[in-house]
Amino acid sequence: MVTGLYYLHKCHICGYTVSTSGPWEFYRDAPGKRKTYGHPVPLSQEAAQAGIHGLSAIVYCAVCDKSFDVVLVEFKQPCRRPLSVWLGECEPKEEFKEEDVVKCPDCGNTRLVFGEYENADTRCPRCKQGKLVARLEWIS
C-alpha cells in the first residue's frame, strides 16, 4: 500500500533545500476545479460527497528550479472509500500513453524529482557543484 510521503532534498555542498510530497488525493468541485480532498480523511463535507477523483504530487524540476503540483492519475469514477485508492481498486480514466508522462509545465523536462531514487544524479541548480540528496521526512 502506498501512502503520502514528504521528502527534503538538500545540496550536500551549499545546503540549498527543496521539498516534494505526495501522492495526495483530490476531488473536483461542480465547475471542475481541482481541490484538496484530505488525507487520510476528507477535509470537508463537499470533499466527502464528491469522492476522490485522482492523485496529485508536488514535484521539483531541477532545470527550472521550481516545484509544482501535478496530476498523477484521474479516475473514471470518483472513489467513495479512501482506502480503495491505496488498494488500487479505482480505475484510471485512460490507459497510460507515452504523451501522458508527467512533464514540467515550464520547460517540458520529464526527469522530475520526487523521492529518494529518482534524483540520484540531480545536480544542485544553485551552486552547480553539489548534488541534491533526498531524505524522507515523514509518511502519513
Protein backbone atom coordinates (compact mmCIF):
# COMPACT_ATOMS: atom_id res chain seq x y z
CA MET A 1 0.00 0.00 0.00
CA VAL A 2 1.27 3.48 -0.91
CA THR A 3 0.76 6.47 1.36
CA GLY A 4 1.64 10.15 1.29
CA LEU A 5 5.36 10.87 1.58
CA TYR A 6 7.28 14.08 2.27
CA TYR A 7 10.91 14.46 1.17
CA LEU A 8 13.54 17.14 1.72
CA HIS A 9 16.22 17.37 -0.98
CA LYS A 10 19.34 19.15 0.23
CA CYS A 11 22.55 20.05 -1.59
CA HIS A 12 25.48 18.41 0.18
CA ILE A 13 27.72 21.42 -0.62
CA CYS A 14 25.72 24.68 -0.38
CA GLY A 15 22.75 23.48 1.69
CA TYR A 16 20.06 24.56 -0.81
CA THR A 17 16.85 22.69 0.06
CA VAL A 18 13.61 21.88 -1.76
CA SER A 19 10.71 19.65 -0.75
CA THR A 20 8.45 17.24 -2.58
CA SER A 21 5.39 15.30 -1.40
CA GLY A 22 2.57 13.04 -2.42
CA PRO A 23 0.71 11.32 -3.79
CA TRP A 24 -2.28 13.23 -2.39
CA GLU A 25 -5.98 12.74 -3.01
CA PHE A 26 -8.00 15.41 -4.81
CA TYR A 27 -11.57 15.96 -5.96
CA ARG A 28 -13.18 18.27 -8.48
CA ASP A 29 -15.88 20.75 -7.47
CA ALA A 30 -19.02 21.41 -9.58
CA PRO A 31 -17.18 23.72 -12.06
CA GLY A 32 -14.38 21.13 -12.37
CA LYS A 33 -11.71 22.92 -10.31
CA ARG A 34 -9.25 20.58 -8.58
CA LYS A 35 -9.39 20.76 -4.76
CA THR A 36 -7.61 19.00 -1.91
CA TYR A 37 -9.63 16.03 -0.68
CA GLY A 38 -7.67 15.48 2.53
CA HIS A 39 -5.52 12.63 3.75
CA PRO A 40 -6.41 10.20 5.16
CA VAL A 41 -9.97 11.53 5.52
CA PRO A 42 -11.93 14.27 3.70
CA LEU A 43 -11.31 17.86 4.81
CA SER A 44 -14.91 18.92 4.21
CA GLN A 45 -18.43 17.70 3.60
CA GLU A 46 -18.05 18.81 -0.03
CA ALA A 47 -14.96 16.57 -0.40
CA ALA A 48 -16.72 13.61 1.23
CA GLN A 49 -19.73 13.97 -1.09
CA ALA A 50 -17.58 14.40 -4.21
CA GLY A 51 -15.31 11.41 -3.58
CA ILE A 52 -11.70 11.11 -4.69
CA HIS A 53 -11.23 11.99 -8.36
CA GLY A 54 -7.48 11.33 -8.52
CA LEU A 55 -4.00 11.71 -7.08
CA SER A 56 -1.50 14.55 -7.39
CA ALA A 57 2.02 15.25 -6.12
CA ILE A 58 4.38 18.14 -5.53
CA VAL A 59 7.44 17.51 -7.70
CA TYR A 60 10.58 19.51 -8.44
CA CYS A 61 12.20 20.44 -11.76
CA ALA A 62 15.95 20.96 -11.29
CA VAL A 63 16.17 22.53 -14.78
CA CYS A 64 13.76 25.37 -13.87
CA ASP A 65 14.50 25.25 -10.12
CA LYS A 66 10.74 25.19 -9.41
CA SER A 67 8.33 22.96 -7.51
CA PHE A 68 4.82 22.40 -8.81
CA ASP A 69 1.71 20.32 -8.27
CA VAL A 70 0.98 17.72 -10.99
CA VAL A 71 -1.87 15.28 -11.53
CA LEU A 72 -0.56 11.73 -11.47
CA VAL A 73 -3.84 9.95 -12.22
CA GLU A 74 -7.55 10.68 -12.53
CA PHE A 75 -10.20 8.01 -12.07
CA LYS A 76 -13.12 7.07 -14.34
CA GLN A 77 -15.47 7.32 -11.37
CA PRO A 78 -14.85 9.08 -8.05
CA CYS A 79 -13.73 6.67 -5.32
CA ARG A 80 -16.01 6.79 -2.32
CA ARG A 81 -13.76 4.86 0.08
CA PRO A 82 -10.32 6.47 0.58
CA LEU A 83 -8.74 3.07 1.22
CA SER A 84 -9.86 1.93 -2.26
CA VAL A 85 -7.44 4.43 -3.81
CA TRP A 86 -4.46 2.95 -1.95
CA LEU A 87 -5.51 -0.64 -2.65
CA GLY A 88 -5.60 0.03 -6.41
CA GLU A 89 -9.36 -0.52 -6.68
CA CYS A 90 -10.06 2.74 -8.57
CA GLU A 91 -9.87 2.54 -12.36
CA PRO A 92 -7.82 5.23 -14.15
CA LYS A 93 -9.64 7.32 -16.80
CA GLU A 94 -7.43 6.14 -19.64
CA GLU A 95 -4.64 3.74 -20.40
CA PHE A 96 -1.20 5.26 -19.89
CA LYS A 97 0.35 6.59 -23.10
CA GLU A 98 3.82 7.98 -23.75
CA GLU A 99 2.42 11.51 -24.08
CA ASP A 100 0.92 11.16 -20.58
CA VAL A 101 4.36 11.26 -18.94
CA VAL A 102 4.38 13.98 -16.28
CA LYS A 103 6.36 16.98 -17.55
CA CYS A 104 7.46 20.31 -16.17
CA PRO A 105 4.84 22.87 -17.30
CA ASP A 106 7.59 25.45 -17.96
CA CYS A 107 10.35 23.57 -19.80
CA GLY A 108 8.92 20.12 -20.60
CA ASN A 109 11.56 18.27 -18.54
CA THR A 110 10.42 14.70 -17.76
CA ARG A 111 13.18 13.90 -15.24
CA LEU A 112 11.34 15.44 -12.29
CA VAL A 113 12.45 14.94 -8.70
CA PHE A 114 10.14 13.28 -6.20
CA GLY A 115 11.69 10.65 -3.94
CA GLU A 116 14.94 9.08 -2.92
CA TYR A 117 15.90 7.20 -6.05
CA GLU A 118 14.79 9.38 -8.93
CA ASN A 119 17.27 12.15 -8.11
CA ALA A 120 20.46 10.11 -7.86
CA ASP A 121 22.21 12.36 -10.40
CA THR A 122 20.43 15.66 -9.73
CA ARG A 123 22.95 18.50 -9.58
CA CYS A 124 22.21 21.48 -7.39
CA PRO A 125 20.72 24.26 -9.55
CA ARG A 126 22.20 26.93 -7.25
CA CYS A 127 25.88 26.05 -6.76
CA LYS A 128 26.13 23.67 -9.78
CA GLN A 129 28.68 21.58 -7.88
CA GLY A 130 26.73 19.75 -5.24
CA LYS A 131 24.16 17.01 -5.55
CA LEU A 132 20.62 17.12 -4.16
CA VAL A 133 20.34 14.30 -1.64
CA ALA A 134 16.84 13.19 -0.63
CA ARG A 135 15.78 12.43 2.91
CA LEU A 136 12.36 11.01 3.73
CA GLU A 137 10.98 13.32 6.44
CA TRP A 138 7.62 11.67 7.11
CA ILE A 139 4.97 9.24 5.91
CA SER A 140 1.26 9.61 6.53
